[in-house]
Amino acid sequence: MNKKNVNNLFEKFIDKKSLFKNKGILQASYHPDNILHRDNQIDQIANIIAPSLRNEKPSNLFIYGKTGTGKTLTTQYISNQMMEMAKKREIPLSIFYINCKLRRVADTEYRLIAQIAREFGKEIPPTGLPTDEVYNIFIKTLENKKQNLILILDEIDQLVSKAGDEIIYNLTRMNSELKNSKITIIGISNDLGFTNNLDPRVKSSLSEEEIVFPPYNAIQIQHILKERAKEAFIEGAVGDGVIEKCAAYAAREHGDARRALELLRVAGEIAERNSKELIVINNIDEAEDKIERDRFIDIVVTQPKQFHATLYSIFQVLSKSKGQIYTGEVYEYYKEICNEIGLRPLTQRRVSDIIGELDMLGLINAKVISHGRFGRTREIKLLLNPTLKAKILNILKEDLF
């Protein structure tokens, strides 16, 4: 396509009437003024952290539930309300939100503490200082502020898998060193079994209070979609049955409202790309196929190198076998890969944990098999179609070799 044709395409796109009035309303980053079907959870969280408005230390809180159940949205909604109140009443309070899935922010203890210190305006280099010194800078800064700090660690399980659980223990124990300030941790996780693997000291200090976010049902998701669609699309853009189909897909995926909103947005983009004036049910099916492909690619790209080495080992061992494979076979191949690329190998137990996480992400099926007094292993199958497997294999090769 030459330059002239591309310009014509852009001209037509600009002049064409859009189905969208405000596409951002259907995106994960959008924060609505009203959180639907989460009144009970809002009340629970607000009651637990309200003491910080009287300059008291609230209990540490652990929030868990499956993806798309409104955990982050609800927590940030309450945080914003609380900060408005604190500013209005001149209450010494800070609330920091950190997404632990971001490598540059929370893949080591140093980076996390440095990021928290930066939130207070301190300039900390990306590397170079001893971790203890970064802790001291942070503690001194917080003491000078003389305030309550609520630290929201979203996807806290990702932080622990990368940096270990000692960091959570250090943060919760820091209050014993503070005289003028207090720290409260709110951990958010999609992994319902996350706390089971924590050191007992860490578990008891983190999970002083726990709240479970249940999945949305199909009717609740329909309500959420209808409210967002009113603002996101022009009148008459959404065809009969589209909202219901989106909600049915999402209810099947454990009540994931975020996925339902994404489906509706992508369906609108597909209809618009095909110069249609109405989003129809077939567009939902097309959107489902597209999202499924993109989702697995995104999952793999954002995982650390140890995950890549483990998944690559699974691919290679499976390619040489006729059926299921087991953790021990994967671990032997994984050690060879680590030796080849200069990566420090993890223990077999930790690799087994990673295999469990790959199962949770939907990339593989890893069924735990008990051999009685001889211990347990995982029976592993791949869940990816051949086209997607080939794409992911290329990503893994580029990262590892």
Protein backbone atom coordinates (compact mmCIF):
# COMPACT_ATOMS: atom_id res chain seq x y z
CA MET A 1 0.00 0.00 0.00
CA ASN A 2 1.54 3.33 -1.03
CA LYS A 3 1.48 6.58 0.92
CA LYS A 4 -1.48 7.99 -1.02
CA ASN A 5 -3.65 4.94 -0.31
CA VAL A 6 -2.77 5.02 3.39
CA ASN A 7 -3.73 8.69 3.57
CA ASN A 8 -7.06 7.89 1.89
CA LEU A 9 -7.69 5.16 4.45
CA PHE A 10 -6.99 7.58 7.31
CA GLU A 11 -9.23 10.25 5.75
CA LYS A 12 -12.11 7.81 5.47
CA PHE A 13 -11.58 6.67 9.05
CA ILE A 14 -11.65 10.24 10.39
CA ASP A 15 -14.75 11.17 8.39
CA LYS A 16 -16.67 7.97 9.13
CA LYS A 17 -19.27 8.14 11.87
CA SER A 18 -18.05 6.16 14.89
CA LEU A 19 -20.15 3.65 16.80
CA PHE A 20 -18.38 4.83 19.95
CA LYS A 21 -19.27 7.88 21.98
CA ASN A 22 -16.56 7.26 24.60
CA LYS A 23 -14.56 4.06 24.13
CA GLY A 24 -12.59 4.64 27.34
CA ILE A 25 -15.65 3.71 29.41
CA LEU A 26 -15.20 0.08 28.31
CA GLN A 27 -11.50 -0.07 29.18
CA ALA A 28 -9.98 -1.54 32.34
CA SER A 29 -8.47 1.81 33.37
CA TYR A 30 -11.90 3.50 33.61
CA HIS A 31 -13.12 4.27 37.13
CA PRO A 32 -16.93 4.70 37.26
CA ASP A 33 -18.55 7.02 39.78
CA ASN A 34 -20.79 4.18 40.92
CA ILE A 35 -19.57 0.63 41.63
CA LEU A 36 -22.41 -1.82 40.93
CA HIS A 37 -23.09 -4.99 42.94
CA ARG A 38 -20.26 -4.48 45.40
CA ASP A 39 -22.01 -2.62 48.25
CA ASN A 40 -21.19 -5.30 50.82
CA GLN A 41 -17.48 -5.36 49.92
CA ILE A 42 -17.31 -1.54 49.88
CA ASP A 43 -18.77 -1.41 53.39
CA GLN A 44 -16.39 -4.08 54.67
CA ILE A 45 -13.24 -2.44 53.28
CA ALA A 46 -14.30 1.05 54.36
CA ASN A 47 -15.01 -0.12 57.91
CA ILE A 48 -11.64 -1.89 58.17
CA ILE A 49 -9.50 1.04 56.99
CA ALA A 50 -11.62 3.91 58.42
CA PRO A 51 -9.54 4.10 61.67
CA SER A 52 -6.73 5.71 59.64
CA LEU A 53 -8.95 8.82 59.46
CA ARG A 54 -8.60 9.07 63.26
CA ASN A 55 -4.84 8.61 62.96
CA GLU A 56 -5.11 5.02 64.19
CA LYS A 57 -3.51 2.03 62.48
CA PRO A 58 -6.08 -0.19 60.71
CA SER A 59 -5.65 -3.94 60.43
CA ASN A 60 -3.72 -5.28 57.47
CA LEU A 61 -6.15 -6.55 54.87
CA PHE A 62 -5.99 -9.31 52.27
CA ILE A 63 -8.50 -9.17 49.39
CA TYR A 64 -8.85 -12.06 47.02
CA GLY A 65 -11.13 -13.30 44.26
CA LYS A 66 -10.90 -14.26 40.61
CA THR A 67 -9.95 -11.85 37.80
CA GLY A 68 -12.62 -9.30 36.91
CA THR A 69 -14.56 -9.43 40.18
CA GLY A 70 -13.95 -5.75 40.99
CA LYS A 71 -11.23 -6.05 43.66
CA THR A 72 -8.92 -3.33 42.32
CA LEU A 73 -11.77 -1.10 41.12
CA THR A 74 -13.49 -1.20 44.51
CA THR A 75 -10.29 -0.68 46.50
CA GLN A 76 -9.24 2.31 44.41
CA TYR A 77 -12.77 3.76 44.60
CA ILE A 78 -12.64 3.63 48.42
CA SER A 79 -9.07 4.99 48.44
CA ASN A 80 -10.08 8.01 46.36
CA GLN A 81 -13.04 8.73 48.67
CA MET A 82 -10.80 8.40 51.71
CA MET A 83 -8.13 10.73 50.32
CA GLU A 84 -10.77 13.36 49.52
CA MET A 85 -11.95 13.17 53.12
CA ALA A 86 -8.36 13.32 54.45
CA LYS A 87 -7.56 16.43 52.39
CA LYS A 88 -10.81 18.11 53.39
CA ARG A 89 -10.20 17.48 57.11
CA GLU A 90 -6.40 17.91 56.89
CA ILE A 91 -5.80 14.39 58.17
CA PRO A 92 -2.18 13.15 57.73
CA LEU A 93 -2.75 10.21 55.39
CA SER A 94 -1.14 8.81 52.24
CA ILE A 95 -2.42 5.91 50.13
CA PHE A 96 -0.07 4.43 47.53
CA TYR A 97 -1.23 1.92 44.94
CA ILE A 98 1.43 -0.35 43.41
CA ASN A 99 0.81 -2.93 40.69
CA CYS A 100 3.23 -5.73 41.58
CA LYS A 101 2.97 -7.22 38.10
CA LEU A 102 5.15 -4.43 36.72
CA ARG A 103 8.73 -5.72 36.58
CA ARG A 104 10.42 -2.35 36.83
CA VAL A 105 8.50 -1.57 40.01
CA ALA A 106 8.21 -4.75 42.05
CA ASP A 107 10.37 -7.61 40.86
CA THR A 108 12.90 -7.15 43.70
CA GLU A 109 12.75 -5.92 47.29
CA TYR A 110 15.03 -3.00 46.35
CA ARG A 111 12.76 -1.81 43.53
CA LEU A 112 9.58 -1.96 45.59
CA ILE A 113 10.95 -0.02 48.56
CA ALA A 114 12.63 2.46 46.17
CA GLN A 115 9.29 2.99 44.41
CA ILE A 116 7.49 3.67 47.70
CA ALA A 117 10.23 6.17 48.66
CA ARG A 118 9.83 7.87 45.26
CA GLU A 119 6.11 8.30 45.96
CA PHE A 120 7.25 10.56 48.82
CA GLY A 121 9.45 12.53 46.42
CA LYS A 122 12.80 10.88 47.23
CA GLU A 123 15.21 10.30 44.34
CA ILE A 124 16.41 6.70 44.50
CA PRO A 125 18.59 5.27 41.70
CA PRO A 126 17.27 2.13 39.94
CA THR A 127 20.24 0.16 41.31
CA GLY A 128 23.43 0.77 43.27
CA LEU A 129 22.45 1.36 46.90
CA PRO A 130 22.35 -1.37 49.53
CA THR A 131 18.76 -2.47 50.16
CA ASP A 132 19.12 -1.64 53.87
CA GLU A 133 20.00 1.94 52.95
CA VAL A 134 16.88 2.25 50.78
CA TYR A 135 14.81 0.98 53.71
CA ASN A 136 16.43 3.57 55.98
CA ILE A 137 15.69 6.39 53.53
CA PHE A 138 12.07 5.27 53.32
CA ILE A 139 11.63 4.91 57.12
CA LYS A 140 13.25 8.30 57.80
CA THR A 141 11.07 10.00 55.17
CA LEU A 142 7.89 8.42 56.55
CA GLU A 143 8.81 9.39 60.11
CA ASN A 144 9.32 13.01 59.04
CA LYS A 145 5.86 12.99 57.39
CA LYS A 146 4.20 11.89 60.66
CA GLN A 147 1.30 10.17 58.96
CA ASN A 148 -0.55 6.97 58.27
CA LEU A 149 0.49 5.16 55.09
CA ILE A 150 -1.82 2.64 53.45
CA LEU A 151 0.10 0.58 50.92
CA ILE A 152 -2.05 -1.23 48.34
CA LEU A 153 -0.09 -4.08 46.74
CA ASP A 154 -2.13 -5.30 43.78
CA GLU A 155 -1.27 -8.80 42.53
CA ILE A 156 0.79 -9.29 45.67
CA ASP A 157 1.32 -12.94 44.70
CA GLN A 158 3.44 -11.73 41.76
CA LEU A 159 5.65 -9.76 44.18
CA VAL A 160 6.15 -12.79 46.41
CA SER A 161 6.90 -15.11 43.48
CA LYS A 162 9.64 -12.72 42.30
CA ALA A 163 11.06 -11.29 45.52
CA GLY A 164 10.04 -13.79 48.22
CA ASP A 165 7.68 -13.34 51.18
CA GLU A 166 10.31 -11.85 53.51
CA ILE A 167 9.55 -8.43 52.02
CA ILE A 168 5.94 -8.62 53.28
CA TYR A 169 7.20 -9.58 56.73
CA ASN A 170 9.65 -6.66 56.74
CA LEU A 171 6.93 -4.18 55.74
CA THR A 172 4.46 -5.40 58.36
CA ARG A 173 7.12 -5.43 61.07
CA MET A 174 8.29 -1.92 60.20
CA ASN A 175 5.66 -0.44 62.52
CA SER A 176 7.76 -1.55 65.49
CA GLU A 177 10.51 0.83 64.29
CA LEU A 178 8.18 3.76 63.61
CA LYS A 179 7.28 6.28 66.33
CA ASN A 180 5.51 9.03 64.40
CA SER A 181 3.93 7.07 61.52
CA LYS A 182 2.15 3.79 60.75
CA ILE A 183 2.02 1.44 57.76
CA THR A 184 -0.97 -0.68 56.76
CA ILE A 185 -0.79 -3.26 53.96
CA ILE A 186 -3.71 -4.08 51.66
CA GLY A 187 -2.81 -7.10 49.53
CA ILE A 188 -4.90 -7.99 46.47
CA SER A 189 -4.62 -11.32 44.66
CA ASN A 190 -6.42 -13.43 42.05
CA ASP A 191 -4.87 -16.55 43.57
CA LEU A 192 -7.24 -17.89 46.21
CA GLY A 193 -4.58 -20.26 47.54
CA PHE A 194 -1.83 -17.64 47.72
CA THR A 195 -1.63 -17.33 51.52
CA ASN A 196 -1.36 -21.12 51.92
CA ASN A 197 2.23 -20.97 50.64
CA LEU A 198 3.35 -18.08 52.84
CA ASP A 199 5.64 -18.40 55.83
CA PRO A 200 3.32 -18.63 58.90
CA ARG A 201 4.80 -15.39 60.32
CA VAL A 202 4.00 -13.55 57.09
CA LYS A 203 0.55 -15.07 56.80
CA SER A 204 -0.45 -14.05 60.33
CA SER A 205 0.84 -10.49 59.89
CA LEU A 206 -0.71 -9.95 56.44
CA SER A 207 -4.10 -11.61 56.84
CA GLU A 208 -5.40 -9.81 59.93
CA GLU A 209 -8.60 -9.25 57.94
CA GLU A 210 -9.70 -11.04 54.76
CA ILE A 211 -12.40 -10.25 52.19
CA VAL A 212 -13.45 -12.51 49.33
CA PHE A 213 -14.90 -11.01 46.16
CA PRO A 214 -17.35 -13.52 44.63
CA PRO A 215 -17.77 -13.78 40.83
CA TYR A 216 -20.52 -11.69 39.24
CA ASN A 217 -23.48 -13.67 37.92
CA ALA A 218 -24.84 -13.22 34.38
CA ILE A 219 -27.62 -10.84 35.47
CA GLN A 220 -25.18 -8.59 37.36
CA ILE A 221 -22.81 -8.52 34.37
CA GLN A 222 -25.72 -7.58 32.07
CA HIS A 223 -26.53 -4.67 34.41
CA ILE A 224 -22.88 -3.49 34.40
CA LEU A 225 -22.67 -3.77 30.59
CA LYS A 226 -25.93 -1.91 30.01
CA GLU A 227 -24.83 0.97 32.24
CA ARG A 228 -21.44 1.27 30.52
CA ALA A 229 -22.89 0.78 26.99
CA LYS A 230 -25.22 3.78 27.46
CA GLU A 231 -22.20 6.05 27.80
CA ALA A 232 -19.76 4.20 25.54
CA PHE A 233 -21.80 3.85 22.31
CA ILE A 234 -24.01 6.11 20.23
CA GLU A 235 -27.72 5.40 20.51
CA GLY A 236 -28.85 2.30 18.62
CA ALA A 237 -25.34 0.89 18.05
CA VAL A 238 -25.80 -2.27 20.12
CA GLY A 239 -27.99 -4.95 18.52
CA ASP A 240 -30.45 -7.30 20.21
CA GLY A 241 -28.89 -10.06 22.27
CA VAL A 242 -25.37 -8.59 22.22
CA ILE A 243 -25.28 -7.59 25.90
CA GLU A 244 -26.77 -10.94 26.90
CA LYS A 245 -24.21 -12.88 24.82
CA CYS A 246 -21.33 -10.90 26.36
CA ALA A 247 -22.66 -11.57 29.86
CA ALA A 248 -23.08 -15.28 29.11
CA TYR A 249 -19.47 -15.54 27.90
CA ALA A 250 -18.19 -13.74 31.00
CA ALA A 251 -20.35 -15.75 33.42
CA ARG A 252 -18.86 -18.89 31.87
CA GLU A 253 -15.40 -17.41 32.57
CA HIS A 254 -16.01 -17.26 36.36
CA GLY A 255 -17.99 -14.00 36.34
CA ASP A 256 -15.24 -11.84 34.86
CA ALA A 257 -16.80 -8.39 34.28
CA ARG A 258 -13.55 -7.02 32.88
CA ARG A 259 -13.61 -9.68 30.17
CA ALA A 260 -17.24 -8.86 29.36
CA LEU A 261 -16.40 -5.18 28.90
CA GLU A 262 -13.41 -6.07 26.74
CA LEU A 263 -15.57 -8.36 24.59
CA LEU A 264 -18.11 -5.60 24.03
CA ARG A 265 -15.40 -3.06 23.16
CA VAL A 266 -13.60 -5.39 20.71
CA ALA A 267 -16.94 -6.39 19.14
CA GLY A 268 -17.63 -2.68 18.56
CA GLU A 269 -14.19 -2.22 17.00
CA ILE A 270 -14.76 -5.19 14.67
CA ALA A 271 -18.17 -3.90 13.57
CA GLU A 272 -16.77 -0.40 13.00
CA ARG A 273 -13.79 -1.76 11.04
CA ASN A 274 -16.23 -3.55 8.74
CA SER A 275 -18.22 -0.30 8.24
CA LYS A 276 -21.28 -1.65 10.07
CA GLU A 277 -23.72 0.59 11.87
CA LEU A 278 -24.83 -2.09 14.32
CA ILE A 279 -22.96 -4.47 16.63
CA VAL A 280 -24.43 -7.96 16.24
CA ILE A 281 -24.04 -11.29 18.03
CA ASN A 282 -21.57 -12.61 15.43
CA ASN A 283 -19.24 -9.74 16.34
CA ILE A 284 -19.10 -11.12 19.90
CA ASP A 285 -17.96 -14.52 18.61
CA GLU A 286 -15.26 -12.83 16.48
CA ALA A 287 -14.16 -10.74 19.45
CA GLU A 288 -13.93 -13.86 21.65
CA ASP A 289 -11.58 -15.54 19.17
CA LYS A 290 -9.37 -12.44 18.87
CA ILE A 291 -9.14 -11.83 22.63
CA GLU A 292 -8.33 -15.46 23.37
CA ARG A 293 -5.33 -15.32 21.03
CA ASP A 294 -4.10 -11.96 22.33
CA ARG A 295 -4.62 -12.88 26.00
CA PHE A 296 -2.25 -15.84 25.99
CA ILE A 297 0.42 -13.87 24.12
CA ASP A 298 0.21 -11.04 26.68
CA ILE A 299 0.38 -13.49 29.59
CA VAL A 300 3.59 -15.06 28.28
CA VAL A 301 5.29 -11.77 27.39
CA THR A 302 4.82 -10.33 30.90
CA GLN A 303 6.19 -13.35 32.78
CA PRO A 304 9.80 -13.35 34.15
CA LYS A 305 12.62 -15.40 32.61
CA GLN A 306 12.25 -18.31 35.06
CA PHE A 307 8.65 -18.76 33.87
CA HIS A 308 9.85 -18.68 30.26
CA ALA A 309 12.52 -21.31 30.96
CA THR A 310 9.96 -23.57 32.67
CA LEU A 311 7.35 -23.21 29.91
CA TYR A 312 9.97 -23.75 27.20
CA SER A 313 11.06 -26.93 29.00
CA ILE A 314 7.45 -28.14 29.06
CA PHE A 315 7.15 -27.51 25.30
CA GLN A 316 10.35 -29.40 24.56
CA VAL A 317 9.65 -32.39 26.81
CA LEU A 318 6.09 -32.68 25.46
CA SER A 319 7.37 -32.62 21.87
CA LYS A 320 9.45 -35.74 22.61
CA SER A 321 6.73 -37.64 24.48
CA LYS A 322 3.58 -39.41 23.34
CA GLY A 323 1.24 -38.25 26.09
CA GLN A 324 1.44 -36.69 29.54
CA ILE A 325 4.69 -35.64 31.14
CA TYR A 326 5.62 -35.11 34.78
CA THR A 327 7.35 -32.47 36.91
CA GLY A 328 10.59 -34.46 37.26
CA GLU A 329 11.08 -34.74 33.49
CA VAL A 330 10.45 -31.02 33.05
CA TYR A 331 12.86 -30.15 35.86
CA GLU A 332 15.72 -32.19 34.36
CA TYR A 333 15.31 -30.43 31.00
CA TYR A 334 14.88 -27.06 32.78
CA LYS A 335 18.28 -27.47 34.49
CA GLU A 336 19.90 -28.13 31.11
CA ILE A 337 18.34 -24.95 29.69
CA CYS A 338 19.50 -22.89 32.69
CA ASN A 339 23.04 -24.22 32.25
CA GLU A 340 22.95 -23.41 28.53
CA ILE A 341 21.78 -19.78 28.93
CA GLY A 342 23.55 -18.97 32.21
CA LEU A 343 20.39 -18.75 34.33
CA ARG A 344 20.59 -19.76 37.98
CA PRO A 345 18.26 -22.79 38.36
CA LEU A 346 15.52 -22.75 40.97
CA THR A 347 14.76 -25.72 43.21
CA GLN A 348 12.44 -28.43 41.92
CA ARG A 349 9.82 -27.34 44.44
CA ARG A 350 9.87 -23.78 43.12
CA VAL A 351 9.66 -24.99 39.50
CA SER A 352 6.68 -27.13 40.57
CA ASP A 353 5.08 -23.93 41.98
CA ILE A 354 5.68 -22.18 38.63
CA ILE A 355 4.05 -25.12 36.83
CA GLY A 356 1.07 -24.64 39.15
CA GLU A 357 0.93 -20.95 38.25
CA LEU A 358 1.10 -21.77 34.51
CA ASP A 359 -1.88 -24.05 35.14
CA MET A 360 -3.74 -21.22 36.88
CA LEU A 361 -3.05 -18.93 33.90
CA GLY A 362 -4.64 -21.50 31.56
CA LEU A 363 -1.53 -22.29 29.52
CA ILE A 364 -1.30 -25.88 30.72
CA ASN A 365 -3.24 -28.40 32.76
CA ALA A 366 -1.13 -29.66 35.69
CA LYS A 367 -2.99 -32.29 37.68
CA VAL A 368 -1.44 -33.16 41.06
CA ILE A 369 -0.81 -36.90 41.40
CA SER A 370 -0.08 -38.40 44.83
CA HIS A 371 2.34 -41.31 45.16
CA GLY A 372 1.70 -41.78 48.88
CA ARG A 373 4.88 -41.80 50.94
CA PHE A 374 6.90 -41.20 47.75
CA GLY A 375 5.48 -37.68 47.49
CA ARG A 376 3.50 -35.84 44.81
CA THR A 377 4.10 -34.83 41.21
CA ARG A 378 2.16 -33.03 38.49
CA GLU A 379 0.81 -34.64 35.33
CA ILE A 380 1.16 -31.97 32.63
CA LYS A 381 -0.79 -31.38 29.41
CA LEU A 382 -0.64 -28.40 27.05
CA LEU A 383 -3.88 -26.44 26.48
CA LEU A 384 -2.74 -24.32 23.51
CA ASN A 385 -3.73 -24.88 19.88
CA PRO A 386 -0.83 -25.47 17.41
CA THR A 387 -0.91 -21.93 15.93
CA LEU A 388 -0.78 -20.27 19.34
CA LYS A 389 1.85 -22.73 20.55
CA ALA A 390 4.13 -21.80 17.61
CA LYS A 391 3.77 -18.06 18.35
CA ILE A 392 4.50 -18.52 22.04
CA LEU A 393 7.47 -20.79 21.30
CA ASN A 394 9.01 -18.00 19.21
CA ILE A 395 8.52 -15.52 22.06
CA LEU A 396 10.22 -17.90 24.48
CA LYS A 397 13.18 -18.50 22.13
CA GLU A 398 13.69 -14.74 21.64
CA ASP A 399 13.73 -14.14 25.38
CA LEU A 400 15.91 -17.08 26.38
CA PHE A 401 18.49 -17.43 23.59
